[in-house]
PDB file of all heavy atoms in Angstrom:
ATOM      1  N   PRO A   1     -37.600 -18.318  -4.157  1.00  0.00           N
ATOM      2  CA  PRO A   1     -38.358 -18.813  -5.308  1.00  0.00           C
ATOM      3  C   PRO A   1     -37.737 -18.403  -6.648  1.00  0.00           C
ATOM      4  O   PRO A   1     -37.853 -19.144  -7.645  1.00  0.00           O
ATOM      5  CB  PRO A   1     -39.712 -18.214  -5.160  1.00  0.00           C
ATOM      6  CG  PRO A   1     -39.872 -17.892  -3.705  1.00  0.00           C
ATOM      7  CD  PRO A   1     -38.462 -17.556  -3.257  1.00  0.00           C
ATOM      8  N   LYS A   2     -37.067 -17.280  -6.678  1.00  0.00           N
ATOM      9  CA  LYS A   2     -36.417 -16.803  -7.917  1.00  0.00           C
ATOM     10  C   LYS A   2     -35.303 -17.745  -8.362  1.00  0.00           C
ATOM     11  O   LYS A   2     -35.054 -17.890  -9.547  1.00  0.00           O
ATOM     12  CB  LYS A   2     -35.871 -15.403  -7.626  1.00  0.00           C
ATOM     13  CG  LYS A   2     -35.402 -14.689  -8.921  1.00  0.00           C
ATOM     14  CD  LYS A   2     -35.197 -13.221  -8.632  1.00  0.00           C
ATOM     15  CE  LYS A   2     -33.759 -12.900  -8.364  1.00  0.00           C
ATOM     16  NZ  LYS A   2     -33.478 -11.480  -8.264  1.00  0.00           N
ATOM     17  N   TYR A   3     -34.666 -18.400  -7.389  1.00  0.00           N
ATOM     18  CA  TYR A   3     -33.529 -19.301  -7.693  1.00  0.00           C
ATOM     19  C   TYR A   3     -33.893 -20.764  -7.500  1.00  0.00           C
ATOM     20  O   TYR A   3     -33.020 -21.595  -7.271  1.00  0.00           O
ATOM     21  CB  TYR A   3     -32.312 -18.958  -6.835  1.00  0.00           C
ATOM     22  CG  TYR A   3     -31.811 -17.574  -7.070  1.00  0.00           C
ATOM     23  CD1 TYR A   3     -31.951 -16.580  -6.090  1.00  0.00           C
ATOM     24  CD2 TYR A   3     -31.241 -17.210  -8.284  1.00  0.00           C
ATOM     25  CE1 TYR A   3     -31.495 -15.274  -6.291  1.00  0.00           C
ATOM     26  CE2 TYR A   3     -30.776 -15.876  -8.502  1.00  0.00           C
ATOM     27  CZ  TYR A   3     -30.917 -14.979  -7.493  1.00  0.00           C
ATOM     28  OH  TYR A   3     -30.466 -13.708  -7.748  1.00  0.00           O
ATOM     29  N   ALA A   4     -35.149 -21.084  -7.563  1.00  0.00           N
ATOM     30  CA  ALA A   4     -35.591 -22.464  -7.293  1.00  0.00           C
ATOM     31  C   ALA A   4     -34.983 -23.505  -8.223  1.00  0.00           C
ATOM     32  O   ALA A   4     -34.738 -24.632  -7.836  1.00  0.00           O
ATOM     33  CB  ALA A   4     -37.124 -22.546  -7.334  1.00  0.00           C
ATOM     34  N   ASP A   5     -34.807 -23.114  -9.491  1.00  0.00           N
ATOM     35  CA  ASP A   5     -34.298 -24.051 -10.490  1.00  0.00           C
ATOM     36  C   ASP A   5     -32.773 -23.953 -10.669  1.00  0.00           C
ATOM     37  O   ASP A   5     -32.268 -24.508 -11.638  1.00  0.00           O
ATOM     38  CB  ASP A   5     -35.040 -23.875 -11.780  1.00  0.00           C
ATOM     39  CG  ASP A   5     -34.876 -22.471 -12.365  1.00  0.00           C
ATOM     40  OD1 ASP A   5     -34.562 -21.580 -11.573  1.00  0.00           O
ATOM     41  OD2 ASP A   5     -35.084 -22.279 -13.568  1.00  0.00           O
ATOM     42  N   ARG A   6     -32.108 -23.211  -9.856  1.00  0.00           N
ATOM     43  CA  ARG A   6     -30.671 -22.932 -10.018  1.00  0.00           C
ATOM     44  C   ARG A   6     -29.898 -23.582  -8.892  1.00  0.00           C
ATOM     45  O   ARG A   6     -30.253 -23.505  -7.714  1.00  0.00           O
ATOM     46  CB  ARG A   6     -30.447 -21.455  -9.970  1.00  0.00           C
ATOM     47  CG  ARG A   6     -29.084 -21.002 -10.378  1.00  0.00           C
ATOM     48  CD  ARG A   6     -29.028 -19.466 -10.385  1.00  0.00           C
ATOM     49  NE  ARG A   6     -27.718 -19.031 -10.870  1.00  0.00           N
ATOM     50  CZ  ARG A   6     -27.523 -18.415 -12.005  1.00  0.00           C
ATOM     51  NH1 ARG A   6     -28.543 -18.128 -12.808  1.00  0.00           N
ATOM     52  NH2 ARG A   6     -26.296 -18.027 -12.363  1.00  0.00           N
ATOM     53  N   ASN A   7     -28.812 -24.297  -9.239  1.00  0.00           N
ATOM     54  CA  ASN A   7     -28.034 -25.036  -8.227  1.00  0.00           C
ATOM     55  C   ASN A   7     -26.766 -24.265  -7.894  1.00  0.00           C
ATOM     56  O   ASN A   7     -25.668 -24.628  -8.262  1.00  0.00           O
ATOM     57  CB  ASN A   7     -27.650 -26.420  -8.763  1.00  0.00           C
ATOM     58  CG  ASN A   7     -28.823 -27.303  -8.926  1.00  0.00           C
ATOM     59  OD1 ASN A   7     -29.794 -27.199  -8.183  1.00  0.00           O
ATOM     60  ND2 ASN A   7     -28.831 -28.154  -9.946  1.00  0.00           N
ATOM     61  N   GLY A   8     -26.917 -23.169  -7.161  1.00  0.00           N
ATOM     62  CA  GLY A   8     -25.747 -22.351  -6.787  1.00  0.00           C
ATOM     63  C   GLY A   8     -25.467 -21.269  -7.777  1.00  0.00           C
ATOM     64  O   GLY A   8     -26.133 -21.109  -8.818  1.00  0.00           O
ATOM     65  N   GLY A   9     -24.471 -20.434  -7.456  1.00  0.00           N
ATOM     66  CA  GLY A   9     -24.098 -19.308  -8.336  1.00  0.00           C
ATOM     67  C   GLY A   9     -25.150 -18.231  -8.357  1.00  0.00           C
ATOM     68  O   GLY A   9     -25.529 -17.722  -9.389  1.00  0.00           O
ATOM     69  N   TYR A  10     -25.605 -17.826  -7.190  1.00  0.00           N
ATOM     70  CA  TYR A  10     -26.653 -16.837  -7.071  1.00  0.00           C
ATOM     71  C   TYR A  10     -26.106 -15.414  -7.066  1.00  0.00           C
ATOM     72  O   TYR A  10     -26.855 -14.437  -7.163  1.00  0.00           O
ATOM     73  CB  TYR A  10     -27.469 -17.005  -5.756  1.00  0.00           C
ATOM     74  CG  TYR A  10     -27.818 -18.457  -5.458  1.00  0.00           C
ATOM     75  CD1 TYR A  10     -27.367 -19.092  -4.331  1.00  0.00           C
ATOM     76  CD2 TYR A  10     -28.654 -19.173  -6.337  1.00  0.00           C
ATOM     77  CE1 TYR A  10     -27.722 -20.358  -4.069  1.00  0.00           C
ATOM     78  CE2 TYR A  10     -29.033 -20.426  -6.053  1.00  0.00           C
ATOM     79  CZ  TYR A  10     -28.529 -21.082  -4.937  1.00  0.00           C
ATOM     80  OH  TYR A  10     -28.882 -22.366  -4.660  1.00  0.00           O
ATOM     81  N   THR A  11     -24.775 -15.263  -6.885  1.00  0.00           N
ATOM     82  CA  THR A  11     -24.204 -13.906  -6.771  1.00  0.00           C
ATOM     83  C   THR A  11     -23.081 -13.723  -7.789  1.00  0.00           C
ATOM     84  O   THR A  11     -22.560 -14.710  -8.341  1.00  0.00           O
ATOM     85  CB  THR A  11     -23.593 -13.693  -5.367  1.00  0.00           C
ATOM     86  OG1 THR A  11     -22.597 -14.661  -5.139  1.00  0.00           O
ATOM     87  CG2 THR A  11     -24.642 -13.810  -4.292  1.00  0.00           C
ATOM     88  N   ARG A  12     -22.751 -12.484  -8.075  1.00  0.00           N
ATOM     89  CA  ARG A  12     -21.592 -12.183  -8.927  1.00  0.00           C
ATOM     90  C   ARG A  12     -20.837 -11.008  -8.322  1.00  0.00           C
ATOM     91  O   ARG A  12     -21.367 -10.154  -7.602  1.00  0.00           O
ATOM     92  CB  ARG A  12     -22.064 -11.778 -10.329  1.00  0.00           C
ATOM     93  CG  ARG A  12     -22.580 -10.428 -10.523  1.00  0.00           C
ATOM     94  CD  ARG A  12     -22.729 -10.037 -11.966  1.00  0.00           C
ATOM     95  NE  ARG A  12     -23.574 -10.917 -12.713  1.00  0.00           N
ATOM     96  CZ  ARG A  12     -24.820 -10.607 -13.140  1.00  0.00           C
ATOM     97  NH1 ARG A  12     -25.263  -9.373 -12.971  1.00  0.00           N
ATOM     98  NH2 ARG A  12     -25.535 -11.492 -13.790  1.00  0.00           N
ATOM     99  N   ILE A  13     -19.545 -11.009  -8.570  1.00  0.00           N
ATOM    100  CA  ILE A  13     -18.652  -9.927  -8.156  1.00  0.00           C
ATOM    101  C   ILE A  13     -18.108  -9.175  -9.361  1.00  0.00           C
ATOM    102  O   ILE A  13     -17.533  -9.790 -10.257  1.00  0.00           O
ATOM    103  CB  ILE A  13     -17.499 -10.525  -7.338  1.00  0.00           C
ATOM    104  CG1 ILE A  13     -17.976 -11.167  -6.040  1.00  0.00           C
ATOM    105  CG2 ILE A  13     -16.448  -9.436  -7.002  1.00  0.00           C
ATOM    106  CD1 ILE A  13     -16.899 -11.832  -5.208  1.00  0.00           C
ATOM    107  N   LEU A  14     -18.402  -7.894  -9.368  1.00  0.00           N
ATOM    108  CA  LEU A  14     -17.945  -7.011 -10.460  1.00  0.00           C
ATOM    109  C   LEU A  14     -16.867  -6.076  -9.898  1.00  0.00           C
ATOM    110  O   LEU A  14     -17.114  -5.363  -8.924  1.00  0.00           O
ATOM    111  CB  LEU A  14     -19.082  -6.208 -11.003  1.00  0.00           C
ATOM    112  CG  LEU A  14     -20.251  -6.959 -11.602  1.00  0.00           C
ATOM    113  CD1 LEU A  14     -21.388  -6.006 -11.940  1.00  0.00           C
ATOM    114  CD2 LEU A  14     -19.823  -7.726 -12.794  1.00  0.00           C
ATOM    115  N   LYS A  15     -15.668  -6.036 -10.511  1.00  0.00           N
ATOM    116  CA  LYS A  15     -14.625  -5.223 -10.034  1.00  0.00           C
ATOM    117  C   LYS A  15     -14.849  -3.756 -10.405  1.00  0.00           C
ATOM    118  O   LYS A  15     -15.211  -3.471 -11.549  1.00  0.00           O
ATOM    119  CB  LYS A  15     -13.272  -5.710 -10.554  1.00  0.00           C
ATOM    120  CG  LYS A  15     -12.968  -7.094 -10.066  1.00  0.00           C
ATOM    121  CD  LYS A  15     -11.549  -7.514 -10.378  1.00  0.00           C
ATOM    122  CE  LYS A  15     -11.337  -8.906  -9.794  1.00  0.00           C
ATOM    123  NZ  LYS A  15      -9.937  -9.264  -9.695  1.00  0.00           N
ATOM    124  N   GLU A  16     -14.568  -2.842  -9.449  1.00  0.00           N
ATOM    125  CA  GLU A  16     -14.722  -1.416  -9.683  1.00  0.00           C
ATOM    126  C   GLU A  16     -13.416  -0.712  -9.876  1.00  0.00           C
ATOM    127  O   GLU A  16     -13.356   0.245 -10.589  1.00  0.00           O
ATOM    128  CB  GLU A  16     -15.402  -0.779  -8.464  1.00  0.00           C
ATOM    129  CG  GLU A  16     -16.872  -0.896  -8.417  1.00  0.00           C
ATOM    130  CD  GLU A  16     -17.477  -0.036  -7.343  1.00  0.00           C
ATOM    131  OE1 GLU A  16     -16.950   0.029  -6.232  1.00  0.00           O
ATOM    132  OE2 GLU A  16     -18.462   0.638  -7.655  1.00  0.00           O
ATOM    133  N   GLY A  17     -12.348  -1.170  -9.184  1.00  0.00           N
ATOM    134  CA  GLY A  17     -11.076  -0.458  -9.261  1.00  0.00           C
ATOM    135  C   GLY A  17     -10.586  -0.175  -7.859  1.00  0.00           C
ATOM    136  O   GLY A  17     -11.226  -0.476  -6.855  1.00  0.00           O
ATOM    137  N   PRO A  18      -9.487   0.497  -7.765  1.00  0.00           N
ATOM    138  CA  PRO A  18      -8.895   0.733  -6.426  1.00  0.00           C
ATOM    139  C   PRO A  18      -9.645   1.889  -5.694  1.00  0.00           C
ATOM    140  O   PRO A  18     -10.109   2.830  -6.309  1.00  0.00           O
ATOM    141  CB  PRO A  18      -7.440   1.158  -6.724  1.00  0.00           C
ATOM    142  CG  PRO A  18      -7.468   1.640  -8.115  1.00  0.00           C
ATOM    143  CD  PRO A  18      -8.550   0.897  -8.819  1.00  0.00           C
ATOM    144  N   ARG A  19      -9.698   1.746  -4.373  1.00  0.00           N
ATOM    145  CA  ARG A  19     -10.308   2.762  -3.544  1.00  0.00           C
ATOM    146  C   ARG A  19      -9.353   3.944  -3.400  1.00  0.00           C
ATOM    147  O   ARG A  19      -8.149   3.743  -3.214  1.00  0.00           O
ATOM    148  CB  ARG A  19     -10.660   2.187  -2.174  1.00  0.00           C
ATOM    149  CG  ARG A  19     -11.259   3.212  -1.199  1.00  0.00           C
ATOM    150  CD  ARG A  19     -11.859   2.574   0.036  1.00  0.00           C
ATOM    151  NE  ARG A  19     -10.924   1.698   0.739  1.00  0.00           N
ATOM    152  CZ  ARG A  19     -11.318   0.827   1.638  1.00  0.00           C
ATOM    153  NH1 ARG A  19     -12.564   0.678   1.941  1.00  0.00           N
ATOM    154  NH2 ARG A  19     -10.451   0.065   2.257  1.00  0.00           N
ATOM    155  N   ARG A  20      -9.864   5.120  -3.455  1.00  0.00           N
ATOM    156  CA  ARG A  20      -9.057   6.310  -3.286  1.00  0.00           C
ATOM    157  C   ARG A  20      -8.615   6.395  -1.827  1.00  0.00           C
ATOM    158  O   ARG A  20      -9.448   6.300  -0.928  1.00  0.00           O
ATOM    159  CB  ARG A  20      -9.828   7.516  -3.683  1.00  0.00           C
ATOM    160  CG  ARG A  20      -9.038   8.780  -3.712  1.00  0.00           C
ATOM    161  CD  ARG A  20      -9.840   9.896  -4.220  1.00  0.00           C
ATOM    162  NE  ARG A  20      -9.095  11.134  -3.973  1.00  0.00           N
ATOM    163  CZ  ARG A  20      -9.455  12.304  -4.452  1.00  0.00           C
ATOM    164  NH1 ARG A  20     -10.528  12.407  -5.167  1.00  0.00           N
ATOM    165  NH2 ARG A  20      -8.724  13.366  -4.211  1.00  0.00           N
ATOM    166  N   GLY A  21      -7.356   6.596  -1.601  1.00  0.00           N
ATOM    167  CA  GLY A  21      -6.841   6.679  -0.256  1.00  0.00           C
ATOM    168  C   GLY A  21      -5.883   5.544   0.074  1.00  0.00           C
ATOM    169  O   GLY A  21      -4.718   5.785   0.339  1.00  0.00           O
ATOM    170  N   ASP A  22      -6.345   4.290   0.040  1.00  0.00           N
ATOM    171  CA  ASP A  22      -5.478   3.173   0.360  1.00  0.00           C
ATOM    172  C   ASP A  22      -5.349   2.173  -0.784  1.00  0.00           C
ATOM    173  O   ASP A  22      -4.684   1.189  -0.635  1.00  0.00           O
ATOM    174  CB  ASP A  22      -5.964   2.473   1.636  1.00  0.00           C
ATOM    175  CG  ASP A  22      -7.279   1.826   1.502  1.00  0.00           C
ATOM    176  OD1 ASP A  22      -7.953   2.052   0.480  1.00  0.00           O
ATOM    177  OD2 ASP A  22      -7.694   1.073   2.425  1.00  0.00           O
ATOM    178  N   ALA A  23      -5.982   2.450  -1.869  1.00  0.00           N
ATOM    179  CA  ALA A  23      -5.898   1.664  -3.124  1.00  0.00           C
ATOM    180  C   ALA A  23      -6.365   0.209  -2.899  1.00  0.00           C
ATOM    181  O   ALA A  23      -5.910  -0.720  -3.548  1.00  0.00           O
ATOM    182  CB  ALA A  23      -4.489   1.657  -3.678  1.00  0.00           C
ATOM    183  N   ALA A  24      -7.291  -0.020  -1.960  1.00  0.00           N
ATOM    184  CA  ALA A  24      -7.884  -1.339  -1.758  1.00  0.00           C
ATOM    185  C   ALA A  24      -8.764  -1.682  -2.928  1.00  0.00           C
ATOM    186  O   ALA A  24      -9.526  -0.815  -3.411  1.00  0.00           O
ATOM    187  CB  ALA A  24      -8.682  -1.407  -0.472  1.00  0.00           C
ATOM    188  N   PRO A  25      -8.704  -2.898  -3.457  1.00  0.00           N
ATOM    189  CA  PRO A  25      -9.578  -3.257  -4.605  1.00  0.00           C
ATOM    190  C   PRO A  25     -11.014  -3.311  -4.225  1.00  0.00           C
ATOM    191  O   PRO A  25     -11.414  -4.041  -3.361  1.00  0.00           O
ATOM    192  CB  PRO A  25      -9.054  -4.634  -5.025  1.00  0.00           C
ATOM    193  CG  PRO A  25      -8.329  -5.160  -3.841  1.00  0.00           C
ATOM    194  CD  PRO A  25      -7.843  -3.989  -3.043  1.00  0.00           C
ATOM    195  N   MET A  26     -11.842  -2.468  -4.860  1.00  0.00           N
ATOM    196  CA  MET A  26     -13.233  -2.369  -4.561  1.00  0.00           C
ATOM    197  C   MET A  26     -14.057  -3.172  -5.581  1.00  0.00           C
ATOM    198  O   MET A  26     -13.687  -3.214  -6.751  1.00  0.00           O
ATOM    199  CB  MET A  26     -13.712  -0.893  -4.527  1.00  0.00           C
ATOM    200  CG  MET A  26     -13.019  -0.078  -3.470  1.00  0.00           C
ATOM    201  SD  MET A  26     -13.389  -0.609  -1.827  1.00  0.00           S
ATOM    202  CE  MET A  26     -15.061  -0.182  -1.664  1.00  0.00           C
ATOM    203  N   VAL A  27     -15.172  -3.735  -5.130  1.00  0.00           N
ATOM    204  CA  VAL A  27     -16.037  -4.520  -5.986  1.00  0.00           C
ATOM    205  C   VAL A  27     -17.482  -4.225  -5.662  1.00  0.00           C
ATOM    206  O   VAL A  27     -17.822  -3.619  -4.658  1.00  0.00           O
ATOM    207  CB  VAL A  27     -15.783  -6.024  -5.847  1.00  0.00           C
ATOM    208  CG1 VAL A  27     -14.362  -6.385  -6.254  1.00  0.00           C
ATOM    209  CG2 VAL A  27     -16.081  -6.498  -4.442  1.00  0.00           C
ATOM    210  N   ILE A  28     -18.364  -4.640  -6.598  1.00  0.00           N
ATOM    211  CA  ILE A  28     -19.829  -4.631  -6.371  1.00  0.00           C
ATOM    212  C   ILE A  28     -20.221  -6.067  -6.285  1.00  0.00           C
ATOM    213  O   ILE A  28     -20.021  -6.862  -7.206  1.00  0.00           O
ATOM    214  CB  ILE A  28     -20.582  -3.935  -7.514  1.00  0.00           C
ATOM    215  CG1 ILE A  28     -20.116  -2.483  -7.615  1.00  0.00           C
ATOM    216  CG2 ILE A  28     -22.077  -3.995  -7.266  1.00  0.00           C
ATOM    217  CD1 ILE A  28     -20.676  -1.795  -8.866  1.00  0.00           C
ATOM    218  N   LEU A  29     -20.867  -6.433  -5.165  1.00  0.00           N
ATOM    219  CA  LEU A  29     -21.394  -7.799  -5.016  1.00  0.00           C
ATOM    220  C   LEU A  29     -22.904  -7.664  -5.220  1.00  0.00           C
ATOM    221  O   LEU A  29     -23.575  -6.876  -4.596  1.00  0.00           O
ATOM    222  CB  LEU A  29     -21.117  -8.305  -3.600  1.00  0.00           C
ATOM    223  CG  LEU A  29     -21.653  -9.656  -3.234  1.00  0.00           C
ATOM    224  CD1 LEU A  29     -21.019 -10.762  -4.069  1.00  0.00           C
ATOM    225  CD2 LEU A  29     -21.469  -9.924  -1.742  1.00  0.00           C
TER     226      LEU A  29
END
């Protein structure tokens, strides 16, 4: 119901930086 009037685009990806250890790019979804 929160997204009833929205046609897609319900999520966002925010970049955090590389993971310590293997430098994999980490994000917040």
